[in-house]
Amino acid sequence: MDRIPCEIEYENFDGEVSTRVIHPYFLEPRPESRTIYVYAHDAKTSSMRWFRVDRIRKVRDVRIGGTYSVPESFDITDVTRSSWGIWQAGDELQEVVLHFQPEAVARARETVWHPGASLSDLPGGGVAMRLSVASEIEMRHWVLGWGAQVEVIAPDSLRDHVAASMREGARMYDKQVSPG
């Protein structure tokens, strides 16, 4: 709130800890992971990045450099336009196509899942969702949460991941597939 730069000790996904100075611009709660991300300018890399708050080990304000200001042109909606959650687009967006079964149509239609998503009716009562995202990897757990109520049509990487996960789940639960 006071726009004071923070020196943080940050532990990345691989467990490596680094010290860096950040200028926070935006906080994003992520309910599916029960954490909060901070979108900030990182002085170490001279770039904007996301940091998971629960991976910040220490924080110290560094008033020596004074305060900072967020540019008036900053718009978090522009930053996350192609994100499923927080991932930002690289050079190319991925086209995702999902087919929801008829029993999932009401739930699929009741929420705006992504600002660029479009829904269209399918023969037999289902619905197709099309959207372009920075990375399908961020969607994987969400898609798996629909179980057999959704079929991934594209991209192949998401379809393959969901298929492999569902096969493994079937082996764990189905005695005919995996005798115990």
N, C-alpha and C. Protein backbone atom coordinates (compact mmCIF):
# COMPACT_ATOMS: atom_id res chain seq x y z
N MET A 1 0.81 -1.20 0.00
CA MET A 1 0.00 0.00 0.00
C MET A 1 0.86 1.26 0.00
N ASP A 2 1.97 1.20 0.71
CA ASP A 2 2.82 2.37 0.80
C ASP A 2 3.87 2.41 -0.31
N ARG A 3 3.90 1.39 -1.16
CA ARG A 3 4.83 1.32 -2.29
C ARG A 3 6.28 1.41 -1.84
N ILE A 4 6.60 0.60 -0.83
CA ILE A 4 7.96 0.51 -0.31
C ILE A 4 8.59 -0.76 -0.87
N PRO A 5 9.74 -0.67 -1.53
CA PRO A 5 10.39 -1.88 -2.03
C PRO A 5 10.67 -2.85 -0.89
N CYS A 6 10.62 -4.14 -1.21
CA CYS A 6 10.86 -5.18 -0.21
C CYS A 6 12.03 -6.05 -0.64
N GLU A 7 12.92 -6.32 0.29
CA GLU A 7 13.95 -7.32 0.04
C GLU A 7 13.40 -8.64 0.55
N ILE A 8 13.41 -9.65 -0.29
CA ILE A 8 12.87 -10.94 0.11
C ILE A 8 13.90 -12.04 -0.07
N GLU A 9 13.77 -13.08 0.74
CA GLU A 9 14.44 -14.34 0.50
C GLU A 9 13.36 -15.24 -0.07
N TYR A 10 13.57 -15.69 -1.31
CA TYR A 10 12.54 -16.44 -2.02
C TYR A 10 13.05 -17.84 -2.37
N GLU A 11 12.24 -18.84 -2.04
CA GLU A 11 12.57 -20.22 -2.36
C GLU A 11 11.78 -20.65 -3.58
N ASN A 12 12.47 -21.00 -4.65
CA ASN A 12 11.76 -21.40 -5.87
C ASN A 12 11.27 -22.85 -5.75
N PHE A 13 10.63 -23.34 -6.80
CA PHE A 13 10.05 -24.68 -6.81
C PHE A 13 11.09 -25.76 -6.54
N ASP A 14 12.32 -25.54 -6.97
CA ASP A 14 13.39 -26.52 -6.79
C ASP A 14 14.07 -26.42 -5.43
N GLY A 15 13.60 -25.51 -4.57
CA GLY A 15 14.18 -25.37 -3.24
C GLY A 15 15.36 -24.43 -3.16
N GLU A 16 15.70 -23.76 -4.27
CA GLU A 16 16.82 -22.82 -4.27
C GLU A 16 16.35 -21.49 -3.70
N VAL A 17 17.13 -20.93 -2.78
CA VAL A 17 16.78 -19.67 -2.14
C VAL A 17 17.65 -18.55 -2.71
N SER A 18 17.00 -17.44 -3.04
CA SER A 18 17.72 -16.28 -3.54
C SER A 18 17.20 -15.04 -2.82
N THR A 19 18.05 -14.02 -2.78
CA THR A 19 17.65 -12.73 -2.20
C THR A 19 17.44 -11.77 -3.36
N ARG A 20 16.35 -11.04 -3.29
CA ARG A 20 16.03 -10.09 -4.37
C ARG A 20 15.20 -8.95 -3.81
N VAL A 21 15.17 -7.84 -4.52
CA VAL A 21 14.34 -6.69 -4.15
C VAL A 21 13.19 -6.65 -5.13
N ILE A 22 11.98 -6.56 -4.58
CA ILE A 22 10.80 -6.51 -5.44
C ILE A 22 9.98 -5.26 -5.17
N HIS A 23 9.24 -4.85 -6.20
CA HIS A 23 8.29 -3.75 -6.11
C HIS A 23 6.92 -4.34 -6.44
N PRO A 24 6.14 -4.71 -5.42
CA PRO A 24 4.84 -5.36 -5.68
C PRO A 24 3.85 -4.44 -6.39
N TYR A 25 3.16 -5.00 -7.40
CA TYR A 25 2.14 -4.28 -8.15
C TYR A 25 0.74 -4.82 -7.85
N PHE A 26 0.64 -6.14 -7.61
CA PHE A 26 -0.68 -6.75 -7.53
C PHE A 26 -0.62 -8.04 -6.73
N LEU A 27 -1.66 -8.32 -5.92
CA LEU A 27 -1.79 -9.58 -5.19
C LEU A 27 -2.92 -10.39 -5.80
N GLU A 28 -2.67 -11.68 -6.03
CA GLU A 28 -3.65 -12.56 -6.65
C GLU A 28 -3.87 -13.79 -5.79
N PRO A 29 -5.01 -13.90 -5.12
CA PRO A 29 -5.30 -15.13 -4.37
C PRO A 29 -5.62 -16.28 -5.34
N ARG A 30 -5.11 -17.47 -5.07
CA ARG A 30 -5.36 -18.65 -5.90
C ARG A 30 -6.01 -19.71 -5.02
N PRO A 31 -7.33 -19.81 -5.04
CA PRO A 31 -8.02 -20.74 -4.15
C PRO A 31 -7.65 -22.20 -4.35
N GLU A 32 -7.37 -22.61 -5.60
CA GLU A 32 -7.08 -24.03 -5.83
C GLU A 32 -5.78 -24.47 -5.18
N SER A 33 -4.84 -23.56 -4.98
CA SER A 33 -3.58 -23.91 -4.32
C SER A 33 -3.50 -23.31 -2.92
N ARG A 34 -4.54 -22.63 -2.51
CA ARG A 34 -4.61 -22.01 -1.18
C ARG A 34 -3.39 -21.15 -0.89
N THR A 35 -3.07 -20.33 -1.85
CA THR A 35 -1.94 -19.42 -1.67
C THR A 35 -2.25 -18.10 -2.36
N ILE A 36 -1.34 -17.19 -2.22
CA ILE A 36 -1.46 -15.87 -2.85
C ILE A 36 -0.18 -15.65 -3.64
N TYR A 37 -0.33 -15.06 -4.81
CA TYR A 37 0.82 -14.68 -5.62
C TYR A 37 0.93 -13.16 -5.61
N VAL A 38 2.16 -12.68 -5.69
CA VAL A 38 2.39 -11.25 -5.83
C VAL A 38 3.05 -11.03 -7.19
N TYR A 39 2.48 -10.12 -7.96
CA TYR A 39 3.05 -9.74 -9.24
C TYR A 39 3.90 -8.51 -8.97
N ALA A 40 5.20 -8.61 -9.27
CA ALA A 40 6.11 -7.55 -8.85
C ALA A 40 7.25 -7.37 -9.84
N HIS A 41 7.81 -6.16 -9.82
CA HIS A 41 9.04 -5.92 -10.56
C HIS A 41 10.17 -6.50 -9.73
N ASP A 42 10.97 -7.35 -10.34
CA ASP A 42 12.09 -8.01 -9.68
C ASP A 42 13.37 -7.31 -10.11
N ALA A 43 14.03 -6.62 -9.16
CA ALA A 43 15.24 -5.87 -9.50
C ALA A 43 16.37 -6.79 -9.94
N LYS A 44 16.39 -8.02 -9.44
CA LYS A 44 17.47 -8.96 -9.79
C LYS A 44 17.44 -9.31 -11.28
N THR A 45 16.26 -9.52 -11.83
CA THR A 45 16.14 -9.89 -13.24
C THR A 45 15.69 -8.73 -14.12
N SER A 46 15.41 -7.59 -13.50
CA SER A 46 14.88 -6.42 -14.22
C SER A 46 13.65 -6.77 -15.04
N SER A 47 12.79 -7.57 -14.44
CA SER A 47 11.57 -7.99 -15.15
C SER A 47 10.40 -8.10 -14.17
N MET A 48 9.21 -8.18 -14.75
CA MET A 48 8.02 -8.41 -13.96
C MET A 48 7.84 -9.92 -13.81
N ARG A 49 7.50 -10.38 -12.60
CA ARG A 49 7.27 -11.80 -12.39
C ARG A 49 6.29 -12.04 -11.26
N TRP A 50 5.85 -13.28 -11.19
CA TRP A 50 4.96 -13.73 -10.12
C TRP A 50 5.80 -14.43 -9.06
N PHE A 51 5.46 -14.18 -7.78
CA PHE A 51 6.09 -14.87 -6.66
C PHE A 51 4.99 -15.46 -5.77
N ARG A 52 5.15 -16.72 -5.40
CA ARG A 52 4.21 -17.33 -4.45
C ARG A 52 4.54 -16.80 -3.06
N VAL A 53 3.57 -16.24 -2.39
CA VAL A 53 3.82 -15.63 -1.08
C VAL A 53 4.30 -16.67 -0.07
N ASP A 54 3.79 -17.90 -0.14
CA ASP A 54 4.22 -18.91 0.83
C ASP A 54 5.64 -19.42 0.58
N ARG A 55 6.28 -18.99 -0.49
CA ARG A 55 7.69 -19.33 -0.73
C ARG A 55 8.63 -18.20 -0.34
N ILE A 56 8.05 -17.09 0.14
CA ILE A 56 8.88 -15.99 0.64
C ILE A 56 9.26 -16.32 2.08
N ARG A 57 10.55 -16.49 2.33
CA ARG A 57 11.03 -16.91 3.65
C ARG A 57 11.26 -15.74 4.60
N LYS A 58 11.71 -14.62 4.08
CA LYS A 58 11.95 -13.42 4.89
C LYS A 58 11.61 -12.20 4.07
N VAL A 59 11.16 -11.15 4.77
CA VAL A 59 10.84 -9.88 4.10
C VAL A 59 11.44 -8.76 4.94
N ARG A 60 12.03 -7.79 4.25
CA ARG A 60 12.56 -6.61 4.93
C ARG A 60 12.29 -5.42 4.02
N ASP A 61 11.73 -4.35 4.58
CA ASP A 61 11.52 -3.19 3.72
C ASP A 61 12.85 -2.49 3.52
N VAL A 62 13.00 -1.93 2.35
CA VAL A 62 14.26 -1.26 2.00
C VAL A 62 13.96 0.17 1.61
N ARG A 63 13.70 0.99 2.62
CA ARG A 63 13.32 2.38 2.41
C ARG A 63 14.46 3.24 1.89
N ILE A 64 15.65 2.70 1.89
CA ILE A 64 16.82 3.47 1.45
C ILE A 64 16.58 4.05 0.07
N GLY A 65 15.98 3.26 -0.81
CA GLY A 65 15.72 3.71 -2.17
C GLY A 65 14.45 4.52 -2.30
N GLY A 66 13.78 4.79 -1.19
CA GLY A 66 12.52 5.53 -1.24
C GLY A 66 11.37 4.64 -1.67
N THR A 67 10.34 5.25 -2.13
CA THR A 67 9.17 4.50 -2.58
C THR A 67 9.20 4.38 -4.10
N TYR A 68 8.28 3.63 -4.62
CA TYR A 68 8.17 3.48 -6.07
C TYR A 68 6.72 3.74 -6.45
N SER A 69 6.47 3.89 -7.72
CA SER A 69 5.09 4.06 -8.17
C SER A 69 4.80 3.03 -9.26
N VAL A 70 3.56 2.61 -9.28
CA VAL A 70 3.10 1.70 -10.32
C VAL A 70 2.72 2.55 -11.52
N PRO A 71 3.22 2.24 -12.70
CA PRO A 71 2.89 3.05 -13.88
C PRO A 71 1.38 3.12 -14.10
N GLU A 72 0.91 4.28 -14.50
CA GLU A 72 -0.52 4.44 -14.77
C GLU A 72 -1.00 3.50 -15.86
N SER A 73 -0.10 3.11 -16.74
CA SER A 73 -0.47 2.21 -17.84
C SER A 73 -0.63 0.76 -17.39
N PHE A 74 -0.22 0.43 -16.14
CA PHE A 74 -0.31 -0.95 -15.67
C PHE A 74 -1.78 -1.37 -15.54
N ASP A 75 -2.10 -2.52 -16.11
CA ASP A 75 -3.45 -3.09 -16.03
C ASP A 75 -3.31 -4.59 -15.89
N ILE A 76 -3.65 -5.11 -14.73
CA ILE A 76 -3.49 -6.54 -14.47
C ILE A 76 -4.34 -7.38 -15.44
N THR A 77 -5.44 -6.84 -15.92
CA THR A 77 -6.26 -7.56 -16.90
C THR A 77 -5.47 -7.80 -18.18
N ASP A 78 -4.70 -6.80 -18.61
CA ASP A 78 -3.86 -6.99 -19.79
C ASP A 78 -2.77 -8.03 -19.54
N VAL A 79 -2.20 -8.01 -18.34
CA VAL A 79 -1.13 -8.94 -17.99
C VAL A 79 -1.62 -10.38 -18.04
N THR A 80 -2.82 -10.61 -17.53
CA THR A 80 -3.33 -11.98 -17.39
C THR A 80 -4.34 -12.38 -18.46
N ARG A 81 -4.52 -11.57 -19.47
CA ARG A 81 -5.54 -11.84 -20.49
C ARG A 81 -5.45 -13.24 -21.08
N SER A 82 -4.25 -13.73 -21.35
CA SER A 82 -4.10 -15.06 -21.95
C SER A 82 -3.79 -16.13 -20.92
N SER A 83 -3.85 -15.80 -19.65
CA SER A 83 -3.55 -16.77 -18.60
C SER A 83 -4.80 -17.53 -18.19
N TRP A 84 -4.60 -18.79 -17.84
CA TRP A 84 -5.68 -19.53 -17.19
C TRP A 84 -5.71 -19.07 -15.74
N GLY A 85 -4.56 -18.88 -15.16
CA GLY A 85 -4.42 -18.38 -13.80
C GLY A 85 -3.48 -17.19 -13.80
N ILE A 86 -2.18 -17.49 -13.69
CA ILE A 86 -1.20 -16.40 -13.63
C ILE A 86 -0.13 -16.48 -14.70
N TRP A 87 -0.01 -17.61 -15.39
CA TRP A 87 1.06 -17.74 -16.37
C TRP A 87 0.85 -16.77 -17.50
N GLN A 88 1.95 -16.18 -17.94
CA GLN A 88 1.89 -15.20 -19.02
C GLN A 88 2.33 -15.82 -20.33
N ALA A 89 1.81 -15.26 -21.39
CA ALA A 89 2.09 -15.78 -22.73
C ALA A 89 3.53 -15.53 -23.12
N GLY A 90 4.08 -16.49 -23.81
CA GLY A 90 5.38 -16.32 -24.44
C GLY A 90 5.13 -15.85 -25.86
N ASP A 91 5.77 -16.50 -26.79
CA ASP A 91 5.61 -16.13 -28.19
C ASP A 91 4.28 -16.61 -28.78
N GLU A 92 3.79 -17.74 -28.27
CA GLU A 92 2.62 -18.37 -28.87
C GLU A 92 1.60 -18.77 -27.82
N LEU A 93 0.34 -18.60 -28.15
CA LEU A 93 -0.73 -19.09 -27.29
C LEU A 93 -1.09 -20.51 -27.69
N GLN A 94 -1.64 -21.27 -26.74
CA GLN A 94 -2.11 -22.62 -27.04
C GLN A 94 -3.62 -22.61 -27.15
N GLU A 95 -4.12 -23.20 -28.21
CA GLU A 95 -5.56 -23.32 -28.42
C GLU A 95 -6.03 -24.56 -27.66
N VAL A 96 -7.00 -24.36 -26.76
CA VAL A 96 -7.58 -25.46 -25.98
C VAL A 96 -9.02 -25.64 -26.42
N VAL A 97 -9.38 -26.90 -26.67
CA VAL A 97 -10.76 -27.23 -27.03
C VAL A 97 -11.20 -28.36 -26.11
N LEU A 98 -12.30 -28.12 -25.41
CA LEU A 98 -12.88 -29.10 -24.48
C LEU A 98 -14.31 -29.39 -24.88
N HIS A 99 -14.72 -30.64 -24.79
CA HIS A 99 -16.12 -31.02 -25.03
C HIS A 99 -16.72 -31.51 -23.72
N PHE A 100 -17.71 -30.77 -23.22
CA PHE A 100 -18.38 -31.13 -21.98
C PHE A 100 -19.59 -32.02 -22.30
N GLN A 101 -19.77 -33.05 -21.49
CA GLN A 101 -20.90 -33.96 -21.63
C GLN A 101 -22.19 -33.23 -21.24
N PRO A 102 -23.35 -33.70 -21.73
CA PRO A 102 -24.62 -33.02 -21.42
C PRO A 102 -24.86 -32.77 -19.93
N GLU A 103 -24.47 -33.71 -19.07
CA GLU A 103 -24.71 -33.53 -17.63
C GLU A 103 -23.86 -32.42 -17.01
N ALA A 104 -22.84 -31.95 -17.72
CA ALA A 104 -21.97 -30.89 -17.21
C ALA A 104 -22.25 -29.53 -17.83
N VAL A 105 -23.19 -29.47 -18.78
CA VAL A 105 -23.42 -28.24 -19.54
C VAL A 105 -23.84 -27.08 -18.63
N ALA A 106 -24.77 -27.31 -17.73
CA ALA A 106 -25.25 -26.20 -16.86
C ALA A 106 -24.09 -25.63 -16.07
N ARG A 107 -23.26 -26.49 -15.48
CA ARG A 107 -22.12 -26.02 -14.69
C ARG A 107 -21.09 -25.32 -15.57
N ALA A 108 -20.85 -25.85 -16.77
CA ALA A 108 -19.88 -25.25 -17.67
C ALA A 108 -20.33 -23.86 -18.12
N ARG A 109 -21.63 -23.66 -18.26
CA ARG A 109 -22.15 -22.38 -18.74
C ARG A 109 -22.33 -21.33 -17.63
N GLU A 110 -22.39 -21.75 -16.38
CA GLU A 110 -22.75 -20.81 -15.32
C GLU A 110 -21.62 -19.89 -14.88
N THR A 111 -20.40 -20.18 -15.28
CA THR A 111 -19.26 -19.38 -14.84
C THR A 111 -18.43 -18.94 -16.03
N VAL A 112 -17.91 -17.73 -15.96
CA VAL A 112 -16.96 -17.27 -16.97
C VAL A 112 -15.60 -17.80 -16.52
N TRP A 113 -15.12 -18.83 -17.18
CA TRP A 113 -13.87 -19.48 -16.78
C TRP A 113 -12.65 -18.72 -17.25
N HIS A 114 -12.79 -18.04 -18.37
CA HIS A 114 -11.66 -17.34 -18.97
C HIS A 114 -12.26 -16.26 -19.87
N PRO A 115 -11.69 -15.06 -19.87
CA PRO A 115 -12.30 -13.98 -20.65
C PRO A 115 -12.39 -14.26 -22.16
N GLY A 116 -11.50 -15.09 -22.67
CA GLY A 116 -11.52 -15.38 -24.10
C GLY A 116 -12.24 -16.66 -24.47
N ALA A 117 -12.86 -17.33 -23.51
CA ALA A 117 -13.52 -18.61 -23.79
C ALA A 117 -14.82 -18.39 -24.56
N SER A 118 -15.05 -19.27 -25.52
CA SER A 118 -16.33 -19.24 -26.22
C SER A 118 -16.95 -20.63 -26.11
N LEU A 119 -18.26 -20.65 -25.95
CA LEU A 119 -19.00 -21.91 -25.82
C LEU A 119 -19.90 -22.07 -27.03
N SER A 120 -20.02 -23.30 -27.50
CA SER A 120 -20.95 -23.59 -28.59
C SER A 120 -21.57 -24.96 -28.35
N ASP A 121 -22.82 -25.08 -28.78
CA ASP A 121 -23.55 -26.33 -28.60
C ASP A 121 -22.98 -27.44 -29.47
N LEU A 122 -23.02 -28.66 -28.93
CA LEU A 122 -22.59 -29.84 -29.67
C LEU A 122 -23.81 -30.72 -29.93
N PRO A 123 -23.79 -31.49 -30.98
CA PRO A 123 -24.89 -32.45 -31.20
C PRO A 123 -24.98 -33.40 -30.00
N GLY A 124 -26.17 -33.70 -29.58
CA GLY A 124 -26.36 -34.60 -28.45
C GLY A 124 -26.46 -33.90 -27.11
N GLY A 125 -26.37 -32.57 -27.11
CA GLY A 125 -26.60 -31.83 -25.87
C GLY A 125 -25.37 -31.37 -25.13
N GLY A 126 -24.20 -31.70 -25.60
CA GLY A 126 -22.99 -31.24 -24.94
C GLY A 126 -22.65 -29.82 -25.35
N VAL A 127 -21.52 -29.33 -24.85
CA VAL A 127 -21.07 -27.99 -25.20
C VAL A 127 -19.55 -28.01 -25.41
N ALA A 128 -19.09 -27.27 -26.41
CA ALA A 128 -17.65 -27.14 -26.67
C ALA A 128 -17.17 -25.81 -26.12
N MET A 129 -16.00 -25.84 -25.48
CA MET A 129 -15.35 -24.62 -25.01
C MET A 129 -14.05 -24.47 -25.79
N ARG A 130 -13.84 -23.28 -26.34
CA ARG A 130 -12.59 -22.96 -27.05
C ARG A 130 -11.97 -21.74 -26.38
N LEU A 131 -10.67 -21.80 -26.17
CA LEU A 131 -9.95 -20.66 -25.61
C LEU A 131 -8.48 -20.77 -25.95
N SER A 132 -7.80 -19.66 -25.90
CA SER A 132 -6.36 -19.62 -26.11
C SER A 132 -5.71 -19.19 -24.80
N VAL A 133 -4.71 -19.96 -24.37
CA VAL A 133 -4.04 -19.67 -23.10
C VAL A 133 -2.54 -19.67 -23.28
N ALA A 134 -1.87 -19.09 -22.30
CA ALA A 134 -0.40 -19.04 -22.33
C ALA A 134 0.18 -20.45 -22.23
N SER A 135 -0.44 -21.31 -21.42
CA SER A 135 0.04 -22.68 -21.26
C SER A 135 -1.08 -23.55 -20.74
N GLU A 136 -1.27 -24.70 -21.36
CA GLU A 136 -2.29 -25.63 -20.89
C GLU A 136 -1.89 -26.29 -19.58
N ILE A 137 -0.61 -26.25 -19.23
CA ILE A 137 -0.15 -26.92 -18.01
C ILE A 137 -0.91 -26.40 -16.79
N GLU A 138 -1.17 -25.11 -16.76
CA GLU A 138 -1.86 -24.50 -15.63
C GLU A 138 -3.30 -24.98 -15.50
N MET A 139 -3.87 -25.51 -16.58
CA MET A 139 -5.27 -25.97 -16.59
C MET A 139 -5.42 -27.43 -16.18
N ARG A 140 -4.35 -28.17 -16.13
CA ARG A 140 -4.43 -29.63 -15.99
C ARG A 140 -5.28 -30.09 -14.81
N HIS A 141 -5.03 -29.55 -13.63
CA HIS A 141 -5.79 -29.99 -12.45
C HIS A 141 -7.26 -29.63 -12.58
N TRP A 142 -7.53 -28.48 -13.13
CA TRP A 142 -8.92 -28.06 -13.32
C TRP A 142 -9.65 -29.02 -14.27
N VAL A 143 -9.02 -29.35 -15.39
CA VAL A 143 -9.63 -30.27 -16.36
C VAL A 143 -9.83 -31.63 -15.72
N LEU A 144 -8.85 -32.14 -15.00
CA LEU A 144 -8.99 -33.44 -14.34
C LEU A 144 -10.13 -33.44 -13.32
N GLY A 145 -10.40 -32.29 -12.72
CA GLY A 145 -11.50 -32.19 -11.75
C GLY A 145 -12.87 -32.46 -12.36
N TRP A 146 -13.00 -32.37 -13.67
CA TRP A 146 -14.26 -32.65 -14.35
C TRP A 146 -14.43 -34.14 -14.60
N GLY A 147 -13.37 -34.92 -14.43
CA GLY A 147 -13.45 -36.37 -14.65
C GLY A 147 -13.94 -36.69 -16.05
N ALA A 148 -14.85 -37.65 -16.14
CA ALA A 148 -15.38 -38.11 -17.42
C ALA A 148 -16.43 -37.17 -18.00
N GLN A 149 -16.66 -36.03 -17.36
CA GLN A 149 -17.64 -35.08 -17.88
C GLN A 149 -17.06 -34.15 -18.94
N VAL A 150 -15.74 -34.26 -19.19
CA VAL A 150 -15.12 -33.43 -20.22
C VAL A 150 -14.13 -34.28 -21.01
N GLU A 151 -14.08 -34.02 -22.30
CA GLU A 151 -13.08 -34.65 -23.17
C GLU A 151 -12.20 -33.54 -23.74
N VAL A 152 -10.89 -33.71 -23.61
CA VAL A 152 -9.96 -32.76 -24.19
C VAL A 152 -9.79 -33.11 -25.67
N ILE A 153 -10.08 -32.15 -26.52
CA ILE A 153 -9.91 -32.32 -27.96
C ILE A 153 -8.54 -31.79 -28.39
N ALA A 154 -8.12 -30.69 -27.83
CA ALA A 154 -6.82 -30.08 -28.14
C ALA A 154 -6.36 -29.26 -26.95
N PRO A 155 -5.07 -29.10 -26.78
CA PRO A 155 -3.96 -29.63 -27.56
C PRO A 155 -3.65 -31.07 -27.17
N ASP A 156 -2.84 -31.73 -27.98
CA ASP A 156 -2.48 -33.12 -27.72
C ASP A 156 -1.79 -33.28 -26.37
N SER A 157 -0.97 -32.30 -25.98
CA SER A 157 -0.25 -32.41 -24.70
C SER A 157 -1.21 -32.47 -23.52
N LEU A 158 -2.28 -31.70 -23.55
CA LEU A 158 -3.28 -31.74 -22.48
C LEU A 158 -4.07 -33.03 -22.55
N ARG A 159 -4.47 -33.43 -23.76
CA ARG A 159 -5.21 -34.68 -23.93
C ARG A 159 -4.40 -35.87 -23.41
N ASP A 160 -3.12 -35.93 -23.77
CA ASP A 160 -2.25 -37.03 -23.33
C ASP A 160 -2.10 -37.05 -21.82
N HIS A 161 -1.93 -35.87 -21.21
CA HIS A 161 -1.78 -35.79 -19.75
C HIS A 161 -3.05 -36.28 -19.05
N VAL A 162 -4.20 -35.82 -19.50
CA VAL A 162 -5.47 -36.23 -18.88
C VAL A 162 -5.68 -37.73 -19.07
N ALA A 163 -5.43 -38.23 -20.26
CA ALA A 163 -5.61 -39.67 -20.53
C ALA A 163 -4.71 -40.51 -19.62
N ALA A 164 -3.45 -40.13 -19.49
CA ALA A 164 -2.52 -40.88 -18.64
C ALA A 164 -2.97 -40.83 -17.18
N SER A 165 -3.41 -39.68 -16.72
CA SER A 165 -3.88 -39.54 -15.33
C SER A 165 -5.13 -40.38 -15.08
N MET A 166 -6.04 -40.38 -16.05
CA MET A 166 -7.28 -41.15 -15.87
C MET A 166 -6.99 -42.66 -15.93
N ARG A 167 -6.04 -43.09 -16.79
CA ARG A 167 -5.67 -44.51 -16.82
C ARG A 167 -5.08 -44.93 -15.48
N GLU A 168 -4.20 -44.10 -14.93
CA GLU A 168 -3.60 -44.41 -13.64
C GLU A 168 -4.66 -44.47 -12.54
N GLY A 169 -5.59 -43.52 -12.57
CA GLY A 169 -6.69 -43.55 -11.59
C GLY A 169 -7.53 -44.80 -11.73
N ALA A 170 -7.82 -45.21 -12.96
CA ALA A 170 -8.60 -46.43 -13.18
C ALA A 170 -7.87 -47.63 -12.62
N ARG A 171 -6.54 -47.70 -12.81
CA ARG A 171 -5.77 -48.82 -12.26
C ARG A 171 -5.86 -48.85 -10.73
N MET A 172 -5.87 -47.68 -10.10
CA MET A 172 -5.93 -47.64 -8.63
C MET A 172 -7.28 -48.09 -8.10
N TYR A 173 -8.34 -47.79 -8.82
CA TYR A 173 -9.69 -48.02 -8.32
C TYR A 173 -10.40 -49.24 -8.89
N ASP A 174 -10.02 -49.69 -10.05
CA ASP A 174 -10.76 -50.74 -10.73
C ASP A 174 -10.03 -52.06 -10.58
N LYS A 175 -10.59 -52.98 -9.79
CA LYS A 175 -9.98 -54.29 -9.54
C LYS A 175 -9.84 -55.09 -10.83
N GLN A 176 -10.72 -54.85 -11.81
CA GLN A 176 -10.62 -55.57 -13.08
C GLN A 176 -9.42 -55.10 -13.89
N VAL A 177 -9.04 -53.85 -13.73
CA VAL A 177 -7.90 -53.30 -14.46
C VAL A 177 -6.59 -53.65 -13.72
N SER A 178 -6.64 -53.56 -12.39
CA SER A 178 -5.46 -53.77 -11.57
C SER A 178 -5.82 -54.71 -10.41
N PRO A 179 -5.82 -56.02 -10.63
CA PRO A 179 -6.22 -56.96 -9.57
C PRO A 179 -5.38 -56.78 -8.32
N GLY A 180 -6.04 -56.80 -7.19
CA GLY A 180 -5.33 -56.58 -5.93
C GLY A 180 -5.46 -57.75 -5.12
